[in-house]
Amino acid sequence: MEYVAVLLPSLVVGLLFWFAMKSIFNADKSERQAEARAQAEADARSAQPLNRPDAETDK
């Protein structure tokens, strides 16, 4: 029982650290995916020709 009392605090702190790092990495991954999605949408918008009715096309 002494071993459990000695190792338990280290295990708990290790698990807390693991969960914290996992959540940080998951948040970073989802942020990178959102940024890539926004960049792809911006690239798609800039690749489309502008269809403005007031633009002069007869010149």
PDB file of N, CA and C in Angstrom:
ATOM      1  N   MET A   1       0.815  -1.191   0.000  1.00  0.00           N
ATOM      2  CA  MET A   1       0.000   0.000   0.000  1.00  0.00           C
ATOM      3  C   MET A   1       0.858   1.255   0.000  1.00  0.00           C
ATOM      4  N   GLU A   2       2.054   1.135   0.524  1.00  0.00           N
ATOM      5  CA  GLU A   2       2.952   2.290   0.534  1.00  0.00           C
ATOM      6  C   GLU A   2       3.299   2.727  -0.885  1.00  0.00           C
ATOM      7  N   TYR A   3       3.439   1.740  -1.783  1.00  0.00           N
ATOM      8  CA  TYR A   3       3.810   2.062  -3.155  1.00  0.00           C
ATOM      9  C   TYR A   3       2.717   2.871  -3.852  1.00  0.00           C
ATOM     10  N   VAL A   4       1.484   2.539  -3.563  1.00  0.00           N
ATOM     11  CA  VAL A   4       0.365   3.268  -4.167  1.00  0.00           C
ATOM     12  C   VAL A   4       0.367   4.710  -3.672  1.00  0.00           C
ATOM     13  N   ALA A   5       0.590   4.902  -2.410  1.00  0.00           N
ATOM     14  CA  ALA A   5       0.610   6.247  -1.840  1.00  0.00           C
ATOM     15  C   ALA A   5       1.768   7.067  -2.397  1.00  0.00           C
ATOM     16  N   VAL A   6       2.846   6.417  -2.732  1.00  0.00           N
ATOM     17  CA  VAL A   6       4.008   7.120  -3.275  1.00  0.00           C
ATOM     18  C   VAL A   6       3.829   7.417  -4.762  1.00  0.00           C
ATOM     19  N   LEU A   7       3.271   6.464  -5.515  1.00  0.00           N
ATOM     20  CA  LEU A   7       3.164   6.618  -6.966  1.00  0.00           C
ATOM     21  C   LEU A   7       1.900   7.349  -7.424  1.00  0.00           C
ATOM     22  N   LEU A   8       0.859   7.336  -6.629  1.00  0.00           N
ATOM     23  CA  LEU A   8      -0.411   7.923  -7.040  1.00  0.00           C
ATOM     24  C   LEU A   8      -0.320   9.414  -7.387  1.00  0.00           C
ATOM     25  N   PRO A   9       0.332  10.256  -6.588  1.00  0.00           N
ATOM     26  CA  PRO A   9       0.417  11.678  -6.981  1.00  0.00           C
ATOM     27  C   PRO A   9       1.129  11.886  -8.317  1.00  0.00           C
ATOM     28  N   SER A  10       2.184  11.133  -8.559  1.00  0.00           N
ATOM     29  CA  SER A  10       2.887  11.266  -9.835  1.00  0.00           C
ATOM     30  C   SER A  10       2.019  10.807 -10.990  1.00  0.00           C
ATOM     31  N   LEU A  11       1.286   9.729 -10.801  1.00  0.00           N
ATOM     32  CA  LEU A  11       0.396   9.250 -11.861  1.00  0.00           C
ATOM     33  C   LEU A  11      -0.719  10.253 -12.154  1.00  0.00           C
ATOM     34  N   VAL A  12      -1.276  10.839 -11.121  1.00  0.00           N
ATOM     35  CA  VAL A  12      -2.355  11.820 -11.313  1.00  0.00           C
ATOM     36  C   VAL A  12      -1.831  13.051 -12.048  1.00  0.00           C
ATOM     37  N   VAL A  13      -0.680  13.534 -11.641  1.00  0.00           N
ATOM     38  CA  VAL A  13      -0.096  14.696 -12.318  1.00  0.00           C
ATOM     39  C   VAL A  13       0.260  14.343 -13.759  1.00  0.00           C
ATOM     40  N   GLY A  14       0.766  13.156 -13.984  1.00  0.00           N
ATOM     41  CA  GLY A  14       1.076  12.711 -15.346  1.00  0.00           C
ATOM     42  C   GLY A  14      -0.170  12.634 -16.209  1.00  0.00           C
ATOM     43  N   LEU A  15      -1.260  12.111 -15.659  1.00  0.00           N
ATOM     44  CA  LEU A  15      -2.510  12.049 -16.415  1.00  0.00           C
ATOM     45  C   LEU A  15      -3.069  13.434 -16.699  1.00  0.00           C
ATOM     46  N   LEU A  16      -3.005  14.320 -15.733  1.00  0.00           N
ATOM     47  CA  LEU A  16      -3.457  15.695 -15.964  1.00  0.00           C
ATOM     48  C   LEU A  16      -2.642  16.364 -17.067  1.00  0.00           C
ATOM     49  N   PHE A  17      -1.344  16.161 -17.047  1.00  0.00           N
ATOM     50  CA  PHE A  17      -0.482  16.716 -18.083  1.00  0.00           C
ATOM     51  C   PHE A  17      -0.832  16.128 -19.445  1.00  0.00           C
ATOM     52  N   TRP A  18      -1.081  14.820 -19.485  1.00  0.00           N
ATOM     53  CA  TRP A  18      -1.412  14.164 -20.749  1.00  0.00           C
ATOM     54  C   TRP A  18      -2.715  14.707 -21.323  1.00  0.00           C
ATOM     55  N   PHE A  19      -3.750  14.841 -20.466  1.00  0.00           N
ATOM     56  CA  PHE A  19      -5.031  15.385 -20.936  1.00  0.00           C
ATOM     57  C   PHE A  19      -4.885  16.836 -21.382  1.00  0.00           C
ATOM     58  N   ALA A  20      -4.106  17.614 -20.681  1.00  0.00           N
ATOM     59  CA  ALA A  20      -3.906  19.017 -21.066  1.00  0.00           C
ATOM     60  C   ALA A  20      -3.200  19.105 -22.420  1.00  0.00           C
ATOM     61  N   MET A  21      -2.151  18.324 -22.611  1.00  0.00           N
ATOM     62  CA  MET A  21      -1.432  18.354 -23.885  1.00  0.00           C
ATOM     63  C   MET A  21      -2.307  17.836 -25.021  1.00  0.00           C
ATOM     64  N   LYS A  22      -3.101  16.814 -24.750  1.00  0.00           N
ATOM     65  CA  LYS A  22      -3.999  16.277 -25.773  1.00  0.00           C
ATOM     66  C   LYS A  22      -5.008  17.329 -26.210  1.00  0.00           C
ATOM     67  N   SER A  23      -5.567  18.057 -25.249  1.00  0.00           N
ATOM     68  CA  SER A  23      -6.546  19.085 -25.607  1.00  0.00           C
ATOM     69  C   SER A  23      -5.887  20.243 -26.358  1.00  0.00           C
ATOM     70  N   ILE A  24      -4.669  20.591 -25.991  1.00  0.00           N
ATOM     71  CA  ILE A  24      -3.947  21.652 -26.702  1.00  0.00           C
ATOM     72  C   ILE A  24      -3.679  21.241 -28.145  1.00  0.00           C
ATOM     73  N   PHE A  25      -3.210  20.007 -28.345  1.00  0.00           N
ATOM     74  CA  PHE A  25      -2.924  19.541 -29.698  1.00  0.00           C
ATOM     75  C   PHE A  25      -4.191  19.411 -30.535  1.00  0.00           C
ATOM     76  N   ASN A  26      -5.289  18.963 -29.931  1.00  0.00           N
ATOM     77  CA  ASN A  26      -6.552  18.877 -30.664  1.00  0.00           C
ATOM     78  C   ASN A  26      -7.059  20.266 -31.048  1.00  0.00           C
ATOM     79  N   ALA A  27      -6.921  21.227 -30.157  1.00  0.00           N
ATOM     80  CA  ALA A  27      -7.339  22.594 -30.473  1.00  0.00           C
ATOM     81  C   ALA A  27      -6.479  23.165 -31.596  1.00  0.00           C
ATOM     82  N   ASP A  28      -5.193  22.896 -31.561  1.00  0.00           N
ATOM     83  CA  ASP A  28      -4.301  23.379 -32.612  1.00  0.00           C
ATOM     84  C   ASP A  28      -4.653  22.747 -33.948  1.00  0.00           C
ATOM     85  N   LYS A  29      -4.949  21.451 -33.928  1.00  0.00           N
ATOM     86  CA  LYS A  29      -5.304  20.762 -35.170  1.00  0.00           C
ATOM     87  C   LYS A  29      -6.581  21.318 -35.765  1.00  0.00           C
ATOM     88  N   SER A  30      -7.597  21.534 -34.928  1.00  0.00           N
ATOM     89  CA  SER A  30      -8.858  22.062 -35.449  1.00  0.00           C
ATOM     90  C   SER A  30      -8.697  23.510 -35.917  1.00  0.00           C
ATOM     91  N   GLU A  31      -7.837  24.283 -35.254  1.00  0.00           N
ATOM     92  CA  GLU A  31      -7.588  25.646 -35.703  1.00  0.00           C
ATOM     93  C   GLU A  31      -6.870  25.659 -37.054  1.00  0.00           C
ATOM     94  N   ARG A  32      -5.925  24.757 -37.234  1.00  0.00           N
ATOM     95  CA  ARG A  32      -5.241  24.668 -38.529  1.00  0.00           C
ATOM     96  C   ARG A  32      -6.198  24.246 -39.628  1.00  0.00           C
ATOM     97  N   GLN A  33      -7.116  23.325 -39.328  1.00  0.00           N
ATOM     98  CA  GLN A  33      -8.102  22.905 -40.321  1.00  0.00           C
ATOM     99  C   GLN A  33      -9.034  24.056 -40.682  1.00  0.00           C
ATOM    100  N   ALA A  34      -9.460  24.827 -39.703  1.00  0.00           N
ATOM    101  CA  ALA A  34     -10.336  25.965 -39.965  1.00  0.00           C
ATOM    102  C   ALA A  34      -9.602  27.025 -40.782  1.00  0.00           C
ATOM    103  N   GLU A  35      -8.339  27.247 -40.459  1.00  0.00           N
ATOM    104  CA  GLU A  35      -7.547  28.217 -41.224  1.00  0.00           C
ATOM    105  C   GLU A  35      -7.365  27.758 -42.667  1.00  0.00           C
ATOM    106  N   ALA A  36      -7.110  26.472 -42.871  1.00  0.00           N
ATOM    107  CA  ALA A  36      -6.957  25.946 -44.227  1.00  0.00           C
ATOM    108  C   ALA A  36      -8.267  26.051 -44.999  1.00  0.00           C
ATOM    109  N   ARG A  37      -9.394  25.788 -44.323  1.00  0.00           N
ATOM    110  CA  ARG A  37     -10.692  25.902 -44.964  1.00  0.00           C
ATOM    111  C   ARG A  37     -10.971  27.351 -45.364  1.00  0.00           C
ATOM    112  N   ALA A  38     -10.662  28.288 -44.476  1.00  0.00           N
ATOM    113  CA  ALA A  38     -10.878  29.699 -44.782  1.00  0.00           C
ATOM    114  C   ALA A  38      -9.964  30.154 -45.918  1.00  0.00           C
ATOM    115  N   GLN A  39      -8.738  29.680 -45.930  1.00  0.00           N
ATOM    116  CA  GLN A  39      -7.811  30.038 -47.003  1.00  0.00           C
ATOM    117  C   GLN A  39      -8.284  29.470 -48.337  1.00  0.00           C
ATOM    118  N   ALA A  40      -8.795  28.237 -48.326  1.00  0.00           N
ATOM    119  CA  ALA A  40      -9.297  27.637 -49.567  1.00  0.00           C
ATOM    120  C   ALA A  40     -10.511  28.407 -50.085  1.00  0.00           C
ATOM    121  N   GLU A  41     -11.391  28.835 -49.184  1.00  0.00           N
ATOM    122  CA  GLU A  41     -12.543  29.630 -49.607  1.00  0.00           C
ATOM    123  C   GLU A  41     -12.098  30.972 -50.178  1.00  0.00           C
ATOM    124  N   ALA A  42     -11.110  31.590 -49.564  1.00  0.00           N
ATOM    125  CA  ALA A  42     -10.612  32.869 -50.055  1.00  0.00           C
ATOM    126  C   ALA A  42      -9.953  32.696 -51.418  1.00  0.00           C
ATOM    127  N   ASP A  43      -9.209  31.621 -51.592  1.00  0.00           N
ATOM    128  CA  ASP A  43      -8.590  31.357 -52.891  1.00  0.00           C
ATOM    129  C   ASP A  43      -9.640  31.095 -53.965  1.00  0.00           C
ATOM    130  N   ALA A  44     -10.702  30.373 -53.596  1.00  0.00           N
ATOM    131  CA  ALA A  44     -11.766  30.092 -54.560  1.00  0.00           C
ATOM    132  C   ALA A  44     -12.498  31.377 -54.942  1.00  0.00           C
ATOM    133  N   ARG A  45     -12.719  32.261 -53.952  1.00  0.00           N
ATOM    134  CA  ARG A  45     -13.375  33.531 -54.256  1.00  0.00           C
ATOM    135  C   ARG A  45     -12.512  34.405 -55.145  1.00  0.00           C
ATOM    136  N   SER A  46     -11.216  34.416 -54.918  1.00  0.00           N
ATOM    137  CA  SER A  46     -10.349  35.277 -55.716  1.00  0.00           C
ATOM    138  C   SER A  46     -10.134  34.710 -57.118  1.00  0.00           C
ATOM    139  N   ALA A  47     -10.339  33.416 -57.303  1.00  0.00           N
ATOM    140  CA  ALA A  47     -10.165  32.805 -58.621  1.00  0.00           C
ATOM    141  C   ALA A  47     -11.383  33.026 -59.507  1.00  0.00           C
ATOM    142  N   GLN A  48     -12.538  33.302 -58.922  1.00  0.00           N
ATOM    143  CA  GLN A  48     -13.744  33.520 -59.703  1.00  0.00           C
ATOM    144  C   GLN A  48     -13.709  34.902 -60.335  1.00  0.00           C
ATOM    145  N   PRO A  49     -14.162  35.000 -61.584  1.00  0.00           N
ATOM    146  CA  PRO A  49     -14.228  36.332 -62.203  1.00  0.00           C
ATOM    147  C   PRO A  49     -15.312  37.170 -61.548  1.00  0.00           C
ATOM    148  N   LEU A  50     -15.092  38.449 -61.532  1.00  0.00           N
ATOM    149  CA  LEU A  50     -16.069  39.358 -60.945  1.00  0.00           C
ATOM    150  C   LEU A  50     -17.224  39.560 -61.916  1.00  0.00           C
ATOM    151  N   ASN A  51     -18.418  39.340 -61.471  1.00  0.00           N
ATOM    152  CA  ASN A  51     -19.618  39.529 -62.287  1.00  0.00           C
ATOM    153  C   ASN A  51     -20.364  40.758 -61.785  1.00  0.00           C
ATOM    154  N   ARG A  52     -19.857  41.908 -62.148  1.00  0.00           N
ATOM    155  CA  ARG A  52     -20.504  43.134 -61.743  1.00  0.00           C
ATOM    156  C   ARG A  52     -21.339  43.661 -62.897  1.00  0.00           C
ATOM    157  N   PRO A  53     -22.597  43.976 -62.646  1.00  0.00           N
ATOM    158  CA  PRO A  53     -23.460  44.475 -63.732  1.00  0.00           C
ATOM    159  C   PRO A  53     -23.062  45.865 -64.201  1.00  0.00           C
ATOM    160  N   ASP A  54     -22.380  46.658 -63.372  1.00  0.00           N
ATOM    161  CA  ASP A  54     -22.015  48.008 -63.770  1.00  0.00           C
ATOM    162  C   ASP A  54     -20.661  48.055 -64.493  1.00  0.00           C
ATOM    163  N   ALA A  55     -20.003  46.918 -64.655  1.00  0.00           N
ATOM    164  CA  ALA A  55     -18.692  46.899 -65.325  1.00  0.00           C
ATOM    165  C   ALA A  55     -18.900  47.038 -66.837  1.00  0.00           C
ATOM    166  N   GLU A  56     -18.045  47.819 -67.454  1.00  0.00           N
ATOM    167  CA  GLU A  56     -18.137  48.018 -68.884  1.00  0.00           C
ATOM    168  C   GLU A  56     -17.328  46.921 -69.583  1.00  0.00           C
ATOM    169  N   THR A  57     -18.003  46.156 -70.471  1.00  0.00           N
ATOM    170  CA  THR A  57     -17.339  45.071 -71.174  1.00  0.00           C
ATOM    171  C   THR A  57     -17.245  45.347 -72.670  1.00  0.00           C
ATOM    172  N   ASP A  58     -17.806  46.456 -73.149  1.00  0.00           N
ATOM    173  CA  ASP A  58     -17.808  46.752 -74.575  1.00  0.00           C
ATOM    174  C   ASP A  58     -16.511  47.380 -75.040  1.00  0.00           C
ATOM    175  N   LYS A  59     -15.651  47.781 -74.179  1.00  0.00           N
ATOM    176  CA  LYS A  59     -14.431  48.482 -74.602  1.00  0.00           C
ATOM    177  C   LYS A  59     -13.388  47.569 -75.087  1.00  0.00           C
TER     178      LYS A  59
END
